[in-house]
Amino acid sequence: MKEETPFRRFVSEFAASKVALFGLAVFTTIALLAIFASVIAPQNPYDLAQLDIMDGRLPPGTKSATGYTFLLGTDDQGRDMFSGMLYGLRISLAVGVGSALFAAVVGTSLGLFAAFLGGRADTAIMRLVDLQLSFPSILVALMILAVLGKGVMNVVMALVIVEWAYYARNVRATAMVERQREYIEAAECLALPRWRVVFRHLLPNCLPPLIVIATQQVARAIALEATLSFLGLGVPITEPSLGLLIANGYQYMLSGKYWISFYPGITLLVTIVSINLVGDQLRDVLNPRLKR
């Protein structure tokens, strides 16, 4: 009988939740649709040559003059909603995942050094974290984008500034516990370089809570980006995300043209919920003490 490895144990415990597996399957499908949007989408919503203003605000199931059926209808510019949502998913996921990864690198590094160095460095970093967390995230992001302006990279930068403090605080708390372990004391007695002690010995033992936080922050970043784009300070109109697609159809809701906002809104909701389902199970598996 083969010995059960930590990875196999992790997979078996994660697979014990059918809800988490369903969330993972849904998110994987959404991610694949976004990655292969240019292949799957019947229309390129950014190509003006493929758009016809006469096809604007057509209801779902309507055929165009060329014979193509708009399964989910069109928006006010005549863009196929299905195609627009696939390309919008690509922008939303890129912003959410990219900002979460960059924030994880910045926050984790500062949290590790704060725990390892202690003293004034720890105090300075944690006071900066407290200052960052004392303001609402959406307010900070709005102020940053008001200065930087619209743009995908500007949104990513704003979200990184908003999110890094969550990583720093949680990683620092975990690292403070691991800092007192015998293996860290042994590494210091061997006079190993500080960077090696931090990244080779301390960081791997801080990964379980870091993975959970990163999963939750991806969902949070997607929601924040959608909110910023809905308010008109997110991505530009030439690179619409799901939030911007929802904003484009908001003014037509009362006139009965619900599909322009409804379908992107449902897609955004399903994406965030699926990520949270996976994150909840990861939390239960990686930290059984928090299991409900």
C-alpha atoms as a PDB file:
ATOM      1  CA  MET A   1       0.000   0.000   0.000  1.00  0.00           C
ATOM      2  CA  LYS A   2       1.439   3.341  -1.045  1.00  0.00           C
ATOM      3  CA  GLU A   3       2.021   5.925   1.647  1.00  0.00           C
ATOM      4  CA  GLU A   4      -0.342   8.880   1.373  1.00  0.00           C
ATOM      5  CA  THR A   5       1.592  12.020   0.477  1.00  0.00           C
ATOM      6  CA  PRO A   6       0.589  15.490   1.733  1.00  0.00           C
ATOM      7  CA  PHE A   7      -0.522  16.412  -1.781  1.00  0.00           C
ATOM      8  CA  ARG A   8      -2.794  13.370  -2.082  1.00  0.00           C
ATOM      9  CA  ARG A   9      -4.197  14.077   1.358  1.00  0.00           C
ATOM     10  CA  PHE A  10      -4.907  17.656   0.338  1.00  0.00           C
ATOM     11  CA  VAL A  11      -6.646  16.558  -2.881  1.00  0.00           C
ATOM     12  CA  SER A  12      -8.773  13.963  -1.090  1.00  0.00           C
ATOM     13  CA  GLU A  13      -9.839  16.437   1.600  1.00  0.00           C
ATOM     14  CA  PHE A  14     -10.642  19.115  -0.972  1.00  0.00           C
ATOM     15  CA  ALA A  15     -12.593  16.647  -3.115  1.00  0.00           C
ATOM     16  CA  ALA A  16     -14.695  15.672  -0.074  1.00  0.00           C
ATOM     17  CA  SER A  17     -16.780  18.804  -0.695  1.00  0.00           C
ATOM     18  CA  LYS A  18     -19.000  18.480  -3.763  1.00  0.00           C
ATOM     19  CA  VAL A  19     -19.847  22.169  -3.505  1.00  0.00           C
ATOM     20  CA  ALA A  20     -16.160  23.100  -3.768  1.00  0.00           C
ATOM     21  CA  LEU A  21     -15.685  20.764  -6.741  1.00  0.00           C
ATOM     22  CA  PHE A  22     -18.682  22.358  -8.423  1.00  0.00           C
ATOM     23  CA  GLY A  23     -17.227  25.826  -7.792  1.00  0.00           C
ATOM     24  CA  LEU A  24     -13.858  24.722  -9.165  1.00  0.00           C
ATOM     25  CA  ALA A  25     -15.501  23.262 -12.285  1.00  0.00           C
ATOM     26  CA  VAL A  26     -17.502  26.448 -12.863  1.00  0.00           C
ATOM     27  CA  PHE A  27     -14.486  28.712 -12.407  1.00  0.00           C
ATOM     28  CA  THR A  28     -12.335  26.507 -14.666  1.00  0.00           C
ATOM     29  CA  THR A  29     -14.989  26.714 -17.375  1.00  0.00           C
ATOM     30  CA  ILE A  30     -15.199  30.504 -16.999  1.00  0.00           C
ATOM     31  CA  ALA A  31     -11.409  30.829 -17.141  1.00  0.00           C
ATOM     32  CA  LEU A  32     -11.201  28.689 -20.301  1.00  0.00           C
ATOM     33  CA  LEU A  33     -13.944  30.743 -21.958  1.00  0.00           C
ATOM     34  CA  ALA A  34     -12.008  33.919 -21.152  1.00  0.00           C
ATOM     35  CA  ILE A  35      -8.671  32.531 -22.360  1.00  0.00           C
ATOM     36  CA  PHE A  36     -10.092  31.307 -25.670  1.00  0.00           C
ATOM     37  CA  ALA A  37     -12.500  34.219 -26.138  1.00  0.00           C
ATOM     38  CA  SER A  38     -10.997  35.165 -29.494  1.00  0.00           C
ATOM     39  CA  VAL A  39     -11.651  31.638 -30.770  1.00  0.00           C
ATOM     40  CA  ILE A  40     -15.092  31.040 -29.231  1.00  0.00           C
ATOM     41  CA  ALA A  41     -16.682  34.479 -29.670  1.00  0.00           C
ATOM     42  CA  PRO A  42     -18.575  34.802 -32.957  1.00  0.00           C
ATOM     43  CA  GLN A  43     -17.770  38.529 -33.092  1.00  0.00           C
ATOM     44  CA  ASN A  44     -14.848  40.715 -32.091  1.00  0.00           C
ATOM     45  CA  PRO A  45     -16.536  43.482 -30.061  1.00  0.00           C
ATOM     46  CA  TYR A  46     -13.472  45.727 -30.512  1.00  0.00           C
ATOM     47  CA  ASP A  47     -13.527  45.566 -34.327  1.00  0.00           C
ATOM     48  CA  LEU A  48     -15.645  48.472 -35.585  1.00  0.00           C
ATOM     49  CA  ALA A  49     -15.905  46.856 -38.995  1.00  0.00           C
ATOM     50  CA  GLN A  50     -17.953  44.013 -37.469  1.00  0.00           C
ATOM     51  CA  LEU A  51     -20.401  46.333 -35.686  1.00  0.00           C
ATOM     52  CA  ASP A  52     -23.590  47.828 -37.064  1.00  0.00           C
ATOM     53  CA  ILE A  53     -25.403  50.543 -35.125  1.00  0.00           C
ATOM     54  CA  MET A  54     -28.653  49.290 -36.683  1.00  0.00           C
ATOM     55  CA  ASP A  55     -28.227  46.113 -34.626  1.00  0.00           C
ATOM     56  CA  GLY A  56     -28.203  48.104 -31.377  1.00  0.00           C
ATOM     57  CA  ARG A  57     -30.298  46.874 -28.434  1.00  0.00           C
ATOM     58  CA  LEU A  58     -31.704  43.819 -30.183  1.00  0.00           C
ATOM     59  CA  PRO A  59     -33.399  41.342 -27.801  1.00  0.00           C
ATOM     60  CA  PRO A  60     -32.020  37.816 -27.280  1.00  0.00           C
ATOM     61  CA  GLY A  61     -32.630  35.437 -30.163  1.00  0.00           C
ATOM     62  CA  THR A  62     -32.919  38.155 -32.829  1.00  0.00           C
ATOM     63  CA  LYS A  63     -31.381  37.544 -36.232  1.00  0.00           C
ATOM     64  CA  SER A  64     -29.278  40.211 -37.900  1.00  0.00           C
ATOM     65  CA  ALA A  65     -29.416  41.223 -41.555  1.00  0.00           C
ATOM     66  CA  THR A  66     -26.500  38.865 -42.222  1.00  0.00           C
ATOM     67  CA  GLY A  67     -28.415  35.916 -40.767  1.00  0.00           C
ATOM     68  CA  TYR A  68     -26.450  35.640 -37.514  1.00  0.00           C
ATOM     69  CA  THR A  69     -28.560  35.039 -34.391  1.00  0.00           C
ATOM     70  CA  PHE A  70     -27.698  37.121 -31.331  1.00  0.00           C
ATOM     71  CA  LEU A  71     -28.355  34.527 -28.634  1.00  0.00           C
ATOM     72  CA  LEU A  72     -28.055  37.051 -25.764  1.00  0.00           C
ATOM     73  CA  GLY A  73     -29.015  40.150 -27.720  1.00  0.00           C
ATOM     74  CA  THR A  74     -26.890  43.223 -28.419  1.00  0.00           C
ATOM     75  CA  ASP A  75     -25.913  46.371 -26.557  1.00  0.00           C
ATOM     76  CA  ASP A  76     -26.451  49.976 -27.618  1.00  0.00           C
ATOM     77  CA  GLN A  77     -23.453  49.833 -29.998  1.00  0.00           C
ATOM     78  CA  GLY A  78     -24.690  46.702 -31.784  1.00  0.00           C
ATOM     79  CA  ARG A  79     -22.139  44.433 -30.121  1.00  0.00           C
ATOM     80  CA  ASP A  80     -23.067  40.810 -29.585  1.00  0.00           C
ATOM     81  CA  MET A  81     -23.573  40.424 -25.824  1.00  0.00           C
ATOM     82  CA  PHE A  82     -22.178  36.902 -25.751  1.00  0.00           C
ATOM     83  CA  SER A  83     -18.965  38.019 -27.458  1.00  0.00           C
ATOM     84  CA  GLY A  84     -18.714  41.114 -25.274  1.00  0.00           C
ATOM     85  CA  MET A  85     -19.083  39.026 -22.112  1.00  0.00           C
ATOM     86  CA  LEU A  86     -16.313  36.621 -23.162  1.00  0.00           C
ATOM     87  CA  TYR A  87     -13.908  39.485 -23.794  1.00  0.00           C
ATOM     88  CA  GLY A  88     -15.133  41.230 -20.645  1.00  0.00           C
ATOM     89  CA  LEU A  89     -14.369  38.094 -18.629  1.00  0.00           C
ATOM     90  CA  ARG A  90     -10.810  38.183 -19.947  1.00  0.00           C
ATOM     91  CA  ILE A  91     -10.310  41.739 -18.670  1.00  0.00           C
ATOM     92  CA  SER A  92     -11.998  41.085 -15.303  1.00  0.00           C
ATOM     93  CA  LEU A  93     -10.006  37.909 -14.600  1.00  0.00           C
ATOM     94  CA  ALA A  94      -6.731  39.452 -15.753  1.00  0.00           C
ATOM     95  CA  VAL A  95      -7.216  42.437 -13.448  1.00  0.00           C
ATOM     96  CA  GLY A  96      -8.372  40.283 -10.505  1.00  0.00           C
ATOM     97  CA  VAL A  97      -5.670  37.620 -10.737  1.00  0.00           C
ATOM     98  CA  GLY A  98      -2.897  40.049 -11.686  1.00  0.00           C
ATOM     99  CA  SER A  99      -3.590  42.490  -8.854  1.00  0.00           C
ATOM    100  CA  ALA A 100      -3.901  39.647  -6.320  1.00  0.00           C
ATOM    101  CA  LEU A 101      -0.536  38.181  -7.356  1.00  0.00           C
ATOM    102  CA  PHE A 102       1.306  41.508  -7.279  1.00  0.00           C
ATOM    103  CA  ALA A 103      -0.285  42.410  -3.942  1.00  0.00           C
ATOM    104  CA  ALA A 104       0.690  38.977  -2.584  1.00  0.00           C
ATOM    105  CA  VAL A 105       4.342  39.525  -3.517  1.00  0.00           C
ATOM    106  CA  VAL A 106       4.463  42.989  -1.931  1.00  0.00           C
ATOM    107  CA  GLY A 107       2.436  42.152   1.178  1.00  0.00           C
ATOM    108  CA  THR A 108       4.101  38.798   1.818  1.00  0.00           C
ATOM    109  CA  SER A 109       7.598  40.253   1.545  1.00  0.00           C
ATOM    110  CA  LEU A 110       6.809  43.104   3.937  1.00  0.00           C
ATOM    111  CA  GLY A 111       5.001  40.788   6.357  1.00  0.00           C
ATOM    112  CA  LEU A 112       7.919  38.334   6.449  1.00  0.00           C
ATOM    113  CA  PHE A 113      10.514  41.029   7.017  1.00  0.00           C
ATOM    114  CA  ALA A 114       8.375  42.676   9.692  1.00  0.00           C
ATOM    115  CA  ALA A 115       8.144  39.388  11.612  1.00  0.00           C
ATOM    116  CA  PHE A 116      11.788  38.424  11.095  1.00  0.00           C
ATOM    117  CA  LEU A 117      13.453  41.768  11.742  1.00  0.00           C
ATOM    118  CA  GLY A 118      11.145  43.028  14.495  1.00  0.00           C
ATOM    119  CA  GLY A 119      11.926  46.286  16.276  1.00  0.00           C
ATOM    120  CA  ARG A 120      11.506  49.549  14.410  1.00  0.00           C
ATOM    121  CA  ALA A 121      11.082  47.845  11.036  1.00  0.00           C
ATOM    122  CA  ASP A 122       8.157  45.806  12.363  1.00  0.00           C
ATOM    123  CA  THR A 123       6.590  48.866  13.987  1.00  0.00           C
ATOM    124  CA  ALA A 124       6.920  51.004  10.854  1.00  0.00           C
ATOM    125  CA  ILE A 125       5.474  48.356   8.534  1.00  0.00           C
ATOM    126  CA  MET A 126       2.559  47.519  10.823  1.00  0.00           C
ATOM    127  CA  ARG A 127       1.675  51.183  11.395  1.00  0.00           C
ATOM    128  CA  LEU A 128       1.564  51.558   7.608  1.00  0.00           C
ATOM    129  CA  VAL A 129      -0.689  48.499   7.437  1.00  0.00           C
ATOM    130  CA  ASP A 130      -2.988  49.923  10.124  1.00  0.00           C
ATOM    131  CA  LEU A 131      -3.179  53.221   8.243  1.00  0.00           C
ATOM    132  CA  GLN A 132      -4.016  51.431   4.991  1.00  0.00           C
ATOM    133  CA  LEU A 133      -6.739  49.267   6.576  1.00  0.00           C
ATOM    134  CA  SER A 134      -8.329  52.209   8.372  1.00  0.00           C
ATOM    135  CA  PHE A 135      -9.733  53.561   5.083  1.00  0.00           C
ATOM    136  CA  PRO A 136     -12.444  51.854   2.987  1.00  0.00           C
ATOM    137  CA  SER A 137     -10.877  50.007   0.054  1.00  0.00           C
ATOM    138  CA  ILE A 138     -13.197  51.464  -2.550  1.00  0.00           C
ATOM    139  CA  LEU A 139     -12.475  55.010  -1.345  1.00  0.00           C
ATOM    140  CA  VAL A 140      -8.706  54.526  -1.599  1.00  0.00           C
ATOM    141  CA  ALA A 141      -9.035  52.992  -5.073  1.00  0.00           C
ATOM    142  CA  LEU A 142     -11.254  55.859  -6.235  1.00  0.00           C
ATOM    143  CA  MET A 143      -8.749  58.459  -5.035  1.00  0.00           C
ATOM    144  CA  ILE A 144      -5.856  56.679  -6.757  1.00  0.00           C
ATOM    145  CA  LEU A 145      -7.704  56.340 -10.061  1.00  0.00           C
ATOM    146  CA  ALA A 146      -8.844  59.956  -9.871  1.00  0.00           C
ATOM    147  CA  VAL A 147      -5.142  60.849 -10.029  1.00  0.00           C
ATOM    148  CA  LEU A 148      -3.894  58.134 -12.405  1.00  0.00           C
ATOM    149  CA  GLY A 149      -6.905  58.061 -14.725  1.00  0.00           C
ATOM    150  CA  LYS A 150      -8.530  55.134 -16.510  1.00  0.00           C
ATOM    151  CA  GLY A 151      -6.615  52.115 -17.766  1.00  0.00           C
ATOM    152  CA  VAL A 152      -6.162  48.431 -17.061  1.00  0.00           C
ATOM    153  CA  MET A 153      -2.679  48.882 -15.574  1.00  0.00           C
ATOM    154  CA  ASN A 154      -3.855  51.821 -13.461  1.00  0.00           C
ATOM    155  CA  VAL A 155      -6.683  49.697 -12.042  1.00  0.00           C
ATOM    156  CA  VAL A 156      -4.228  46.895 -11.257  1.00  0.00           C
ATOM    157  CA  MET A 157      -1.914  49.372  -9.529  1.00  0.00           C
ATOM    158  CA  ALA A 158      -4.778  50.811  -7.475  1.00  0.00           C
ATOM    159  CA  LEU A 159      -5.932  47.341  -6.400  1.00  0.00           C
ATOM    160  CA  VAL A 160      -2.390  46.336  -5.429  1.00  0.00           C
ATOM    161  CA  ILE A 161      -2.141  49.396  -3.178  1.00  0.00           C
ATOM    162  CA  VAL A 162      -5.523  48.504  -1.668  1.00  0.00           C
ATOM    163  CA  GLU A 163      -4.857  44.777  -1.152  1.00  0.00           C
ATOM    164  CA  TRP A 164      -1.231  44.417  -0.039  1.00  0.00           C
ATOM    165  CA  ALA A 165      -1.987  45.248   3.608  1.00  0.00           C
ATOM    166  CA  TYR A 166      -4.236  42.189   4.001  1.00  0.00           C
ATOM    167  CA  TYR A 167      -1.381  39.901   2.992  1.00  0.00           C
ATOM    168  CA  ALA A 168       1.152  41.718   5.156  1.00  0.00           C
ATOM    169  CA  ARG A 169      -0.929  41.507   8.336  1.00  0.00           C
ATOM    170  CA  ASN A 170      -1.855  37.827   7.971  1.00  0.00           C
ATOM    171  CA  VAL A 171       1.585  36.676   6.844  1.00  0.00           C
ATOM    172  CA  ARG A 172       3.236  38.618   9.650  1.00  0.00           C
ATOM    173  CA  ALA A 173       0.943  36.962  12.223  1.00  0.00           C
ATOM    174  CA  THR A 174       1.791  33.488  10.902  1.00  0.00           C
ATOM    175  CA  ALA A 175       5.492  34.270  10.596  1.00  0.00           C
ATOM    176  CA  MET A 176       5.638  35.535  14.201  1.00  0.00           C
ATOM    177  CA  VAL A 177       4.569  32.071  15.375  1.00  0.00           C
ATOM    178  CA  GLU A 178       6.957  30.262  13.027  1.00  0.00           C
ATOM    179  CA  ARG A 179       9.756  32.634  14.037  1.00  0.00           C
ATOM    180  CA  GLN A 180       9.904  30.935  17.458  1.00  0.00           C
ATOM    181  CA  ARG A 181      10.202  27.410  16.063  1.00  0.00           C
ATOM    182  CA  GLU A 182      13.311  25.334  16.512  1.00  0.00           C
ATOM    183  CA  TYR A 183      14.112  25.041  12.795  1.00  0.00           C
ATOM    184  CA  ILE A 184      14.420  28.837  12.521  1.00  0.00           C
ATOM    185  CA  GLU A 185      16.714  28.963  15.552  1.00  0.00           C
ATOM    186  CA  ALA A 186      18.799  26.161  14.041  1.00  0.00           C
ATOM    187  CA  ALA A 187      19.090  28.031  10.735  1.00  0.00           C
ATOM    188  CA  GLU A 188      20.232  31.153  12.563  1.00  0.00           C
ATOM    189  CA  CYS A 189      22.770  29.154  14.579  1.00  0.00           C
ATOM    190  CA  LEU A 190      24.237  27.920  11.296  1.00  0.00           C
ATOM    191  CA  ALA A 191      24.757  31.577  10.338  1.00  0.00           C
ATOM    192  CA  LEU A 192      22.705  31.249   7.168  1.00  0.00           C
ATOM    193  CA  PRO A 193      22.016  34.479   5.261  1.00  0.00           C
ATOM    194  CA  ARG A 194      18.860  36.265   6.359  1.00  0.00           C
ATOM    195  CA  TRP A 195      17.293  36.131   2.917  1.00  0.00           C
ATOM    196  CA  ARG A 196      17.737  32.341   2.882  1.00  0.00           C
ATOM    197  CA  VAL A 197      16.198  31.934   6.331  1.00  0.00           C
ATOM    198  CA  VAL A 198      13.232  34.080   5.344  1.00  0.00           C
ATOM    199  CA  PHE A 199      12.493  32.718   1.870  1.00  0.00           C
ATOM    200  CA  ARG A 200      13.820  29.164   2.177  1.00  0.00           C
ATOM    201  CA  HIS A 201      12.621  28.266   5.670  1.00  0.00           C
ATOM    202  CA  LEU A 202      10.063  30.805   6.887  1.00  0.00           C
ATOM    203  CA  LEU A 203       8.047  31.455   3.712  1.00  0.00           C
ATOM    204  CA  PRO A 204       7.069  27.817   2.911  1.00  0.00           C
ATOM    205  CA  ASN A 205       5.449  27.480   6.336  1.00  0.00           C
ATOM    206  CA  CYS A 206       3.403  30.643   5.738  1.00  0.00           C
ATOM    207  CA  LEU A 207       1.959  29.420   2.432  1.00  0.00           C
ATOM    208  CA  PRO A 208      -1.270  27.718   3.663  1.00  0.00           C
ATOM    209  CA  PRO A 209      -2.935  30.908   4.965  1.00  0.00           C
ATOM    210  CA  LEU A 210      -1.420  32.842   2.058  1.00  0.00           C
ATOM    211  CA  ILE A 211      -3.156  30.589  -0.484  1.00  0.00           C
ATOM    212  CA  VAL A 212      -6.515  31.086   1.225  1.00  0.00           C
ATOM    213  CA  ILE A 213      -6.082  34.868   1.349  1.00  0.00           C
ATOM    214  CA  ALA A 214      -5.012  35.009  -2.301  1.00  0.00           C
ATOM    215  CA  THR A 215      -8.102  33.074  -3.408  1.00  0.00           C
ATOM    216  CA  GLN A 216     -10.398  35.406  -1.502  1.00  0.00           C
ATOM    217  CA  GLN A 217      -8.579  38.496  -2.742  1.00  0.00           C
ATOM    218  CA  VAL A 218      -9.012  37.444  -6.378  1.00  0.00           C
ATOM    219  CA  ALA A 219     -12.794  37.445  -5.917  1.00  0.00           C
ATOM    220  CA  ARG A 220     -12.599  40.724  -4.003  1.00  0.00           C
ATOM    221  CA  ALA A 221     -10.437  42.345  -6.697  1.00  0.00           C
ATOM    222  CA  ILE A 222     -12.868  41.309  -9.454  1.00  0.00           C
ATOM    223  CA  ALA A 223     -15.753  42.823  -7.482  1.00  0.00           C
ATOM    224  CA  LEU A 224     -13.799  46.046  -6.811  1.00  0.00           C
ATOM    225  CA  GLU A 225     -12.804  46.385 -10.459  1.00  0.00           C
ATOM    226  CA  ALA A 226     -16.417  45.919 -11.522  1.00  0.00           C
ATOM    227  CA  THR A 227     -17.500  48.608  -9.056  1.00  0.00           C
ATOM    228  CA  LEU A 228     -14.833  51.040 -10.260  1.00  0.00           C
ATOM    229  CA  SER A 229     -15.720  50.443 -13.916  1.00  0.00           C
ATOM    230  CA  PHE A 230     -19.417  50.842 -13.142  1.00  0.00           C
ATOM    231  CA  LEU A 231     -18.642  54.223 -11.580  1.00  0.00           C
ATOM    232  CA  GLY A 232     -16.695  55.251 -14.671  1.00  0.00           C
ATOM    233  CA  LEU A 233     -13.184  55.207 -13.171  1.00  0.00           C
ATOM    234  CA  GLY A 234     -12.061  51.706 -14.141  1.00  0.00           C
ATOM    235  CA  VAL A 235     -11.121  50.288 -17.505  1.00  0.00           C
ATOM    236  CA  PRO A 236     -11.653  52.385 -20.671  1.00  0.00           C
ATOM    237  CA  ILE A 237     -14.581  51.868 -23.025  1.00  0.00           C
ATOM    238  CA  THR A 238     -12.239  50.322 -25.598  1.00  0.00           C
ATOM    239  CA  GLU A 239     -11.444  47.443 -23.184  1.00  0.00           C
ATOM    240  CA  PRO A 240     -14.772  46.782 -21.449  1.00  0.00           C
ATOM    241  CA  SER A 241     -14.886  44.505 -18.434  1.00  0.00           C
ATOM    242  CA  LEU A 242     -18.023  42.964 -16.958  1.00  0.00           C
ATOM    243  CA  GLY A 243     -18.513  45.992 -14.726  1.00  0.00           C
ATOM    244  CA  LEU A 244     -18.431  48.364 -17.673  1.00  0.00           C
ATOM    245  CA  LEU A 245     -20.849  46.172 -19.631  1.00  0.00           C
ATOM    246  CA  ILE A 246     -23.259  46.351 -16.704  1.00  0.00           C
ATOM    247  CA  ALA A 247     -22.894  50.137 -16.608  1.00  0.00           C
ATOM    248  CA  ASN A 248     -23.566  50.420 -20.346  1.00  0.00           C
ATOM    249  CA  GLY A 249     -26.984  48.818 -19.970  1.00  0.00           C
ATOM    250  CA  TYR A 250     -28.014  50.400 -16.686  1.00  0.00           C
ATOM    251  CA  GLN A 251     -29.752  53.353 -18.354  1.00  0.00           C
ATOM    252  CA  TYR A 252     -31.881  50.992 -20.449  1.00  0.00           C
ATOM    253  CA  MET A 253     -33.149  48.825 -17.577  1.00  0.00           C
ATOM    254  CA  LEU A 254     -36.366  50.799 -17.077  1.00  0.00           C
ATOM    255  CA  SER A 255     -37.153  50.672 -20.796  1.00  0.00           C
ATOM    256  CA  GLY A 256     -37.300  46.862 -20.709  1.00  0.00           C
ATOM    257  CA  LYS A 257     -33.912  46.182 -22.310  1.00  0.00           C
ATOM    258  CA  TYR A 258     -32.757  44.155 -19.315  1.00  0.00           C
ATOM    259  CA  TRP A 259     -30.341  41.841 -21.163  1.00  0.00           C
ATOM    260  CA  ILE A 260     -27.623  44.480 -21.624  1.00  0.00           C
ATOM    261  CA  SER A 261     -26.936  44.540 -17.872  1.00  0.00           C
ATOM    262  CA  PHE A 262     -28.556  41.305 -16.727  1.00  0.00           C
ATOM    263  CA  TYR A 263     -26.326  38.738 -18.449  1.00  0.00           C
ATOM    264  CA  PRO A 264     -22.988  40.422 -17.559  1.00  0.00           C
ATOM    265  CA  GLY A 265     -24.275  40.814 -13.989  1.00  0.00           C
ATOM    266  CA  ILE A 266     -25.135  37.113 -13.720  1.00  0.00           C
ATOM    267  CA  THR A 267     -21.738  36.189 -15.163  1.00  0.00           C
ATOM    268  CA  LEU A 268     -19.971  38.421 -12.645  1.00  0.00           C
ATOM    269  CA  LEU A 269     -21.997  36.925  -9.783  1.00  0.00           C
ATOM    270  CA  VAL A 270     -21.297  33.333 -10.840  1.00  0.00           C
ATOM    271  CA  THR A 271     -17.572  34.056 -11.204  1.00  0.00           C
ATOM    272  CA  ILE A 272     -17.238  35.579  -7.730  1.00  0.00           C
ATOM    273  CA  VAL A 273     -19.359  32.889  -6.061  1.00  0.00           C
ATOM    274  CA  SER A 274     -17.390  30.053  -7.689  1.00  0.00           C
ATOM    275  CA  ILE A 275     -14.086  31.534  -6.480  1.00  0.00           C
ATOM    276  CA  ASN A 276     -15.461  31.959  -2.962  1.00  0.00           C
ATOM    277  CA  LEU A 277     -16.670  28.338  -2.896  1.00  0.00           C
ATOM    278  CA  VAL A 278     -13.158  27.159  -3.721  1.00  0.00           C
ATOM    279  CA  GLY A 279     -11.662  29.558  -1.164  1.00  0.00           C
ATOM    280  CA  ASP A 280     -13.961  28.352   1.615  1.00  0.00           C
ATOM    281  CA  GLN A 281     -12.933  24.742   1.087  1.00  0.00           C
ATOM    282  CA  LEU A 282      -9.249  25.675   0.885  1.00  0.00           C
ATOM    283  CA  ARG A 283      -9.633  27.439   4.232  1.00  0.00           C
ATOM    284  CA  ASP A 284     -11.211  24.359   5.798  1.00  0.00           C
ATOM    285  CA  VAL A 285      -8.549  22.021   4.414  1.00  0.00           C
ATOM    286  CA  LEU A 286      -5.496  24.161   5.141  1.00  0.00           C
ATOM    287  CA  ASN A 287      -6.699  25.314   8.561  1.00  0.00           C
ATOM    288  CA  PRO A 288      -8.991  22.655  10.108  1.00  0.00           C
ATOM    289  CA  ARG A 289      -9.475  24.788  13.227  1.00  0.00           C
ATOM    290  CA  LEU A 290     -11.624  27.169  11.187  1.00  0.00           C
ATOM    291  CA  LYS A 291     -13.760  24.391   9.727  1.00  0.00           C
ATOM    292  CA  ARG A 292     -17.436  24.964  10.305  1.00  0.00           C
END
